[in-house]
Amino acid sequence: MNGDSINRLVILALALTVLGDFLALLAELLNQRYTNNASKEAEIKLQDELNQIHGELAALKARFDQSLPPGG
C-alpha cells in the first residue's frame, strides 16, 4: 500500500469512529427524551456534544474527500 491509500484508510477509520460516537449519542439523546429521565441541562449538554461530533464528522469527510484522486 502506498502512503495515500494508508492516509485514506486512517481518515476512513477516524470517520467511522466519529460516526459511531455520533450514533451512540443520538441513541442516548432519543432514549432520554422518551423516558423523561434526563433534566433539561443534561439534554442540552448531549445536544452540544452531538453538534460537536457532527462538526468533527463533517471535517473528517472533507479531509477524506480531499484525499481522493481527481475523478475518484
PDB file of N, CA and C in Angstrom:
ATOM      1  N   MET A   1       0.845  -1.192   0.000  1.00  0.00           N
ATOM      2  CA  MET A   1       0.000   0.000   0.000  1.00  0.00           C
ATOM      3  C   MET A   1       0.875   1.235   0.000  1.00  0.00           C
ATOM      4  N   ASN A   2       0.445   2.204  -0.770  1.00  0.00           N
ATOM      5  CA  ASN A   2       1.209   3.449  -0.775  1.00  0.00           C
ATOM      6  C   ASN A   2       0.690   4.383   0.318  1.00  0.00           C
ATOM      7  N   GLY A   3       1.385   5.482   0.480  1.00  0.00           N
ATOM      8  CA  GLY A   3       1.048   6.418   1.554  1.00  0.00           C
ATOM      9  C   GLY A   3      -0.345   7.004   1.434  1.00  0.00           C
ATOM     10  N   ASP A   4      -0.779   7.302   0.205  1.00  0.00           N
ATOM     11  CA  ASP A   4      -2.116   7.876   0.018  1.00  0.00           C
ATOM     12  C   ASP A   4      -3.204   6.897   0.438  1.00  0.00           C
ATOM     13  N   SER A   5      -3.016   5.635   0.109  1.00  0.00           N
ATOM     14  CA  SER A   5      -4.011   4.627   0.487  1.00  0.00           C
ATOM     15  C   SER A   5      -4.093   4.485   1.997  1.00  0.00           C
ATOM     16  N   ILE A   6      -2.942   4.500   2.642  1.00  0.00           N
ATOM     17  CA  ILE A   6      -2.918   4.391   4.105  1.00  0.00           C
ATOM     18  C   ILE A   6      -3.588   5.606   4.729  1.00  0.00           C
ATOM     19  N   ASN A   7      -3.286   6.792   4.198  1.00  0.00           N
ATOM     20  CA  ASN A   7      -3.910   8.013   4.723  1.00  0.00           C
ATOM     21  C   ASN A   7      -5.424   7.959   4.583  1.00  0.00           C
ATOM     22  N   ARG A   8      -5.895   7.502   3.427  1.00  0.00           N
ATOM     23  CA  ARG A   8      -7.347   7.407   3.220  1.00  0.00           C
ATOM     24  C   ARG A   8      -7.968   6.401   4.186  1.00  0.00           C
ATOM     25  N   LEU A   9      -7.276   5.282   4.424  1.00  0.00           N
ATOM     26  CA  LEU A   9      -7.798   4.280   5.365  1.00  0.00           C
ATOM     27  C   LEU A   9      -7.848   4.834   6.787  1.00  0.00           C
ATOM     28  N   VAL A  10      -6.830   5.584   7.170  1.00  0.00           N
ATOM     29  CA  VAL A  10      -6.813   6.185   8.507  1.00  0.00           C
ATOM     30  C   VAL A  10      -7.951   7.192   8.646  1.00  0.00           C
ATOM     31  N   ILE A  11      -8.129   8.030   7.636  1.00  0.00           N
ATOM     32  CA  ILE A  11      -9.212   9.019   7.673  1.00  0.00           C
ATOM     33  C   ILE A  11     -10.561   8.315   7.717  1.00  0.00           C
ATOM     34  N   LEU A  12     -10.710   7.256   6.926  1.00  0.00           N
ATOM     35  CA  LEU A  12     -11.959   6.497   6.935  1.00  0.00           C
ATOM     36  C   LEU A  12     -12.206   5.868   8.304  1.00  0.00           C
ATOM     37  N   ALA A  13     -11.166   5.320   8.916  1.00  0.00           N
ATOM     38  CA  ALA A  13     -11.317   4.726  10.251  1.00  0.00           C
ATOM     39  C   ALA A  13     -11.730   5.787  11.269  1.00  0.00           C
ATOM     40  N   LEU A  14     -11.121   6.960  11.190  1.00  0.00           N
ATOM     41  CA  LEU A  14     -11.494   8.054  12.099  1.00  0.00           C
ATOM     42  C   LEU A  14     -12.939   8.479  11.871  1.00  0.00           C
ATOM     43  N   ALA A  15     -13.323   8.576  10.610  1.00  0.00           N
ATOM     44  CA  ALA A  15     -14.694   8.978  10.295  1.00  0.00           C
ATOM     45  C   ALA A  15     -15.690   7.950  10.821  1.00  0.00           C
ATOM     46  N   LEU A  16     -15.377   6.673  10.672  1.00  0.00           N
ATOM     47  CA  LEU A  16     -16.278   5.637  11.175  1.00  0.00           C
ATOM     48  C   LEU A  16     -16.359   5.662  12.700  1.00  0.00           C
ATOM     49  N   THR A  17     -15.246   5.957  13.349  1.00  0.00           N
ATOM     50  CA  THR A  17     -15.247   6.070  14.816  1.00  0.00           C
ATOM     51  C   THR A  17     -16.124   7.233  15.260  1.00  0.00           C
ATOM     52  N   VAL A  18     -15.956   8.378  14.607  1.00  0.00           N
ATOM     53  CA  VAL A  18     -16.766   9.551  14.949  1.00  0.00           C
ATOM     54  C   VAL A  18     -18.237   9.279  14.643  1.00  0.00           C
ATOM     55  N   LEU A  19     -18.510   8.605  13.525  1.00  0.00           N
ATOM     56  CA  LEU A  19     -19.885   8.260  13.191  1.00  0.00           C
ATOM     57  C   LEU A  19     -20.490   7.350  14.256  1.00  0.00           C
ATOM     58  N   GLY A  20     -19.714   6.402  14.750  1.00  0.00           N
ATOM     59  CA  GLY A  20     -20.192   5.535  15.827  1.00  0.00           C
ATOM     60  C   GLY A  20     -20.520   6.329  17.074  1.00  0.00           C
ATOM     61  N   ASP A  21     -19.643   7.278  17.429  1.00  0.00           N
ATOM     62  CA  ASP A  21     -19.909   8.143  18.590  1.00  0.00           C
ATOM     63  C   ASP A  21     -21.164   8.969  18.361  1.00  0.00           C
ATOM     64  N   PHE A  22     -21.316   9.478  17.159  1.00  0.00           N
ATOM     65  CA  PHE A  22     -22.491  10.271  16.796  1.00  0.00           C
ATOM     66  C   PHE A  22     -23.766   9.450  16.977  1.00  0.00           C
ATOM     67  N   LEU A  23     -23.757   8.227  16.471  1.00  0.00           N
ATOM     68  CA  LEU A  23     -24.945   7.372  16.578  1.00  0.00           C
ATOM     69  C   LEU A  23     -25.231   6.983  18.023  1.00  0.00           C
ATOM     70  N   ALA A  24     -24.181   6.731  18.797  1.00  0.00           N
ATOM     71  CA  ALA A  24     -24.373   6.380  20.213  1.00  0.00           C
ATOM     72  C   ALA A  24     -24.994   7.552  20.971  1.00  0.00           C
ATOM     73  N   LEU A  25     -24.489   8.752  20.729  1.00  0.00           N
ATOM     74  CA  LEU A  25     -25.053   9.918  21.410  1.00  0.00           C
ATOM     75  C   LEU A  25     -26.478  10.198  20.943  1.00  0.00           C
ATOM     76  N   LEU A  26     -26.732   9.991  19.666  1.00  0.00           N
ATOM     77  CA  LEU A  26     -28.082  10.184  19.157  1.00  0.00           C
ATOM     78  C   LEU A  26     -29.047   9.201  19.824  1.00  0.00           C
ATOM     79  N   ALA A  27     -28.642   7.954  19.945  1.00  0.00           N
ATOM     80  CA  ALA A  27     -29.478   6.956  20.605  1.00  0.00           C
ATOM     81  C   ALA A  27     -29.709   7.326  22.069  1.00  0.00           C
ATOM     82  N   GLU A  28     -28.661   7.797  22.740  1.00  0.00           N
ATOM     83  CA  GLU A  28     -28.806   8.200  24.137  1.00  0.00           C
ATOM     84  C   GLU A  28     -29.742   9.401  24.261  1.00  0.00           C
ATOM     85  N   LEU A  29     -29.597  10.348  23.357  1.00  0.00           N
ATOM     86  CA  LEU A  29     -30.456  11.539  23.382  1.00  0.00           C
ATOM     87  C   LEU A  29     -31.917  11.154  23.162  1.00  0.00           C
ATOM     88  N   LEU A  30     -32.163  10.306  22.187  1.00  0.00           N
ATOM     89  CA  LEU A  30     -33.534   9.869  21.915  1.00  0.00           C
ATOM     90  C   LEU A  30     -34.106   9.086  23.098  1.00  0.00           C
ATOM     91  N   ASN A  31     -33.304   8.233  23.687  1.00  0.00           N
ATOM     92  CA  ASN A  31     -33.763   7.463  24.840  1.00  0.00           C
ATOM     93  C   ASN A  31     -34.138   8.384  26.000  1.00  0.00           C
ATOM     94  N   GLN A  32     -33.322   9.376  26.241  1.00  0.00           N
ATOM     95  CA  GLN A  32     -33.599  10.285  27.352  1.00  0.00           C
ATOM     96  C   GLN A  32     -34.827  11.149  27.072  1.00  0.00           C
ATOM     97  N   ARG A  33     -35.044  11.494  25.832  1.00  0.00           N
ATOM     98  CA  ARG A  33     -36.242  12.286  25.512  1.00  0.00           C
ATOM     99  C   ARG A  33     -37.506  11.490  25.786  1.00  0.00           C
ATOM    100  N   TYR A  34     -37.495  10.230  25.397  1.00  0.00           N
ATOM    101  CA  TYR A  34     -38.705   9.430  25.524  1.00  0.00           C
ATOM    102  C   TYR A  34     -38.954   8.940  26.943  1.00  0.00           C
ATOM    103  N   THR A  35     -37.932   8.798  27.730  1.00  0.00           N
ATOM    104  CA  THR A  35     -38.146   8.332  29.098  1.00  0.00           C
ATOM    105  C   THR A  35     -38.295   9.475  30.098  1.00  0.00           C
ATOM    106  N   ASN A  36     -37.976  10.689  29.661  1.00  0.00           N
ATOM    107  CA  ASN A  36     -38.087  11.876  30.517  1.00  0.00           C
ATOM    108  C   ASN A  36     -37.302  11.754  31.815  1.00  0.00           C
ATOM    109  N   ASN A  37     -36.212  10.986  31.798  1.00  0.00           N
ATOM    110  CA  ASN A  37     -35.374  10.836  32.983  1.00  0.00           C
ATOM    111  C   ASN A  37     -34.274  11.888  33.055  1.00  0.00           C
ATOM    112  N   ALA A  38     -34.004  12.512  31.935  1.00  0.00           N
ATOM    113  CA  ALA A  38     -32.910  13.485  31.906  1.00  0.00           C
ATOM    114  C   ALA A  38     -33.443  14.880  32.183  1.00  0.00           C
ATOM    115  N   SER A  39     -32.659  15.638  32.844  1.00  0.00           N
ATOM    116  CA  SER A  39     -33.026  17.039  33.064  1.00  0.00           C
ATOM    117  C   SER A  39     -32.762  17.826  31.783  1.00  0.00           C
ATOM    118  N   LYS A  40     -33.306  19.000  31.722  1.00  0.00           N
ATOM    119  CA  LYS A  40     -33.103  19.856  30.555  1.00  0.00           C
ATOM    120  C   LYS A  40     -31.621  20.169  30.365  1.00  0.00           C
ATOM    121  N   GLU A  41     -30.887  20.349  31.455  1.00  0.00           N
ATOM    122  CA  GLU A  41     -29.457  20.643  31.351  1.00  0.00           C
ATOM    123  C   GLU A  41     -28.698  19.485  30.704  1.00  0.00           C
ATOM    124  N   ALA A  42     -29.005  18.275  31.099  1.00  0.00           N
ATOM    125  CA  ALA A  42     -28.338  17.109  30.521  1.00  0.00           C
ATOM    126  C   ALA A  42     -28.671  16.985  29.039  1.00  0.00           C
ATOM    127  N   GLU A  43     -29.895  17.278  28.676  1.00  0.00           N
ATOM    128  CA  GLU A  43     -30.295  17.207  27.275  1.00  0.00           C
ATOM    129  C   GLU A  43     -29.541  18.244  26.444  1.00  0.00           C
ATOM    130  N   ILE A  44     -29.398  19.442  26.988  1.00  0.00           N
ATOM    131  CA  ILE A  44     -28.655  20.489  26.294  1.00  0.00           C
ATOM    132  C   ILE A  44     -27.194  20.082  26.138  1.00  0.00           C
ATOM    133  N   LYS A  45     -26.608  19.506  27.185  1.00  0.00           N
ATOM    134  CA  LYS A  45     -25.219  19.053  27.120  1.00  0.00           C
ATOM    135  C   LYS A  45     -25.054  17.977  26.047  1.00  0.00           C
ATOM    136  N   LEU A  46     -25.975  17.026  26.010  1.00  0.00           N
ATOM    137  CA  LEU A  46     -25.903  15.981  24.993  1.00  0.00           C
ATOM    138  C   LEU A  46     -26.065  16.569  23.590  1.00  0.00           C
ATOM    139  N   GLN A  47     -26.954  17.530  23.446  1.00  0.00           N
ATOM    140  CA  GLN A  47     -27.147  18.155  22.140  1.00  0.00           C
ATOM    141  C   GLN A  47     -25.887  18.885  21.705  1.00  0.00           C
ATOM    142  N   ASP A  48     -25.210  19.567  22.646  1.00  0.00           N
ATOM    143  CA  ASP A  48     -23.953  20.241  22.329  1.00  0.00           C
ATOM    144  C   ASP A  48     -22.895  19.240  21.887  1.00  0.00           C
ATOM    145  N   GLU A  49     -22.793  18.106  22.603  1.00  0.00           N
ATOM    146  CA  GLU A  49     -21.835  17.069  22.227  1.00  0.00           C
ATOM    147  C   GLU A  49     -22.166  16.501  20.854  1.00  0.00           C
ATOM    148  N   LEU A  50     -23.434  16.306  20.596  1.00  0.00           N
ATOM    149  CA  LEU A  50     -23.873  15.788  19.310  1.00  0.00           C
ATOM    150  C   LEU A  50     -23.506  16.760  18.185  1.00  0.00           C
ATOM    151  N   ASN A  51     -23.711  18.033  18.422  1.00  0.00           N
ATOM    152  CA  ASN A  51     -23.350  19.042  17.426  1.00  0.00           C
ATOM    153  C   ASN A  51     -21.844  19.072  17.185  1.00  0.00           C
ATOM    154  N   GLN A  52     -21.067  18.925  18.262  1.00  0.00           N
ATOM    155  CA  GLN A  52     -19.610  18.910  18.131  1.00  0.00           C
ATOM    156  C   GLN A  52     -19.156  17.700  17.318  1.00  0.00           C
ATOM    157  N   ILE A  53     -19.705  16.552  17.595  1.00  0.00           N
ATOM    158  CA  ILE A  53     -19.336  15.340  16.863  1.00  0.00           C
ATOM    159  C   ILE A  53     -19.769  15.451  15.411  1.00  0.00           C
ATOM    160  N   HIS A  54     -20.922  16.034  15.178  1.00  0.00           N
ATOM    161  CA  HIS A  54     -21.381  16.229  13.804  1.00  0.00           C
ATOM    162  C   HIS A  54     -20.388  17.116  13.038  1.00  0.00           C
ATOM    163  N   GLY A  55     -19.896  18.152  13.683  1.00  0.00           N
ATOM    164  CA  GLY A  55     -18.898  19.020  13.060  1.00  0.00           C
ATOM    165  C   GLY A  55     -17.597  18.282  12.781  1.00  0.00           C
ATOM    166  N   GLU A  56     -17.165  17.438  13.727  1.00  0.00           N
ATOM    167  CA  GLU A  56     -15.951  16.656  13.523  1.00  0.00           C
ATOM    168  C   GLU A  56     -16.129  15.684  12.363  1.00  0.00           C
ATOM    169  N   LEU A  57     -17.287  15.081  12.273  1.00  0.00           N
ATOM    170  CA  LEU A  57     -17.559  14.156  11.182  1.00  0.00           C
ATOM    171  C   LEU A  57     -17.527  14.881   9.841  1.00  0.00           C
ATOM    172  N   ALA A  58     -18.092  16.064   9.785  1.00  0.00           N
ATOM    173  CA  ALA A  58     -18.075  16.844   8.546  1.00  0.00           C
ATOM    174  C   ALA A  58     -16.643  17.203   8.158  1.00  0.00           C
ATOM    175  N   ALA A  59     -15.816  17.560   9.141  1.00  0.00           N
ATOM    176  CA  ALA A  59     -14.422  17.899   8.858  1.00  0.00           C
ATOM    177  C   ALA A  59     -13.658  16.677   8.355  1.00  0.00           C
ATOM    178  N   LEU A  60     -13.900  15.525   8.974  1.00  0.00           N
ATOM    179  CA  LEU A  60     -13.230  14.304   8.523  1.00  0.00           C
ATOM    180  C   LEU A  60     -13.678  13.917   7.117  1.00  0.00           C
ATOM    181  N   LYS A  61     -14.961  14.100   6.823  1.00  0.00           N
ATOM    182  CA  LYS A  61     -15.457  13.781   5.484  1.00  0.00           C
ATOM    183  C   LYS A  61     -14.788  14.690   4.460  1.00  0.00           C
ATOM    184  N   ALA A  62     -14.643  15.951   4.808  1.00  0.00           N
ATOM    185  CA  ALA A  62     -13.989  16.891   3.892  1.00  0.00           C
ATOM    186  C   ALA A  62     -12.541  16.478   3.656  1.00  0.00           C
ATOM    187  N   ARG A  63     -11.835  16.075   4.726  1.00  0.00           N
ATOM    188  CA  ARG A  63     -10.452  15.615   4.569  1.00  0.00           C
ATOM    189  C   ARG A  63     -10.402  14.378   3.699  1.00  0.00           C
ATOM    190  N   PHE A  64     -11.330  13.460   3.903  1.00  0.00           N
ATOM    191  CA  PHE A  64     -11.371  12.246   3.101  1.00  0.00           C
ATOM    192  C   PHE A  64     -11.633  12.568   1.646  1.00  0.00           C
ATOM    193  N   ASP A  65     -12.585  13.441   1.406  1.00  0.00           N
ATOM    194  CA  ASP A  65     -12.917  13.827   0.032  1.00  0.00           C
ATOM    195  C   ASP A  65     -11.712  14.479  -0.651  1.00  0.00           C
ATOM    196  N   GLN A  66     -10.964  15.273   0.096  1.00  0.00           N
ATOM    197  CA  GLN A  66      -9.781  15.932  -0.477  1.00  0.00           C
ATOM    198  C   GLN A  66      -8.668  14.930  -0.758  1.00  0.00           C
ATOM    199  N   SER A  67      -8.649  13.811  -0.042  1.00  0.00           N
ATOM    200  CA  SER A  67      -7.566  12.837  -0.230  1.00  0.00           C
ATOM    201  C   SER A  67      -7.820  11.943  -1.450  1.00  0.00           C
ATOM    202  N   LEU A  68      -9.034  11.984  -1.982  1.00  0.00           N
ATOM    203  CA  LEU A  68      -9.322  11.167  -3.159  1.00  0.00           C
ATOM    204  C   LEU A  68      -8.662  11.779  -4.378  1.00  0.00           C
ATOM    205  N   PRO A  69      -8.206  10.930  -5.285  1.00  0.00           N
ATOM    206  CA  PRO A  69      -7.629  11.475  -6.509  1.00  0.00           C
ATOM    207  C   PRO A  69      -8.727  12.138  -7.352  1.00  0.00           C
ATOM    208  N   PRO A  70      -8.355  13.073  -8.216  1.00  0.00           N
ATOM    209  CA  PRO A  70      -9.362  13.740  -9.062  1.00  0.00           C
ATOM    210  C   PRO A  70     -10.141  12.726  -9.873  1.00  0.00           C
ATOM    211  N   GLY A  71     -11.445  12.905  -9.878  1.00  0.00           N
ATOM    212  CA  GLY A  71     -12.330  11.991 -10.616  1.00  0.00           C
ATOM    213  C   GLY A  71     -12.560  10.679  -9.903  1.00  0.00           C
ATOM    214  N   GLY A  72     -12.046  10.513  -8.673  1.00  0.00           N
ATOM    215  CA  GLY A  72     -12.191   9.238  -7.971  1.00  0.00           C
ATOM    216  C   GLY A  72     -13.048   9.394  -6.823  1.00  0.00           C
TER     217      GLY A  72
END
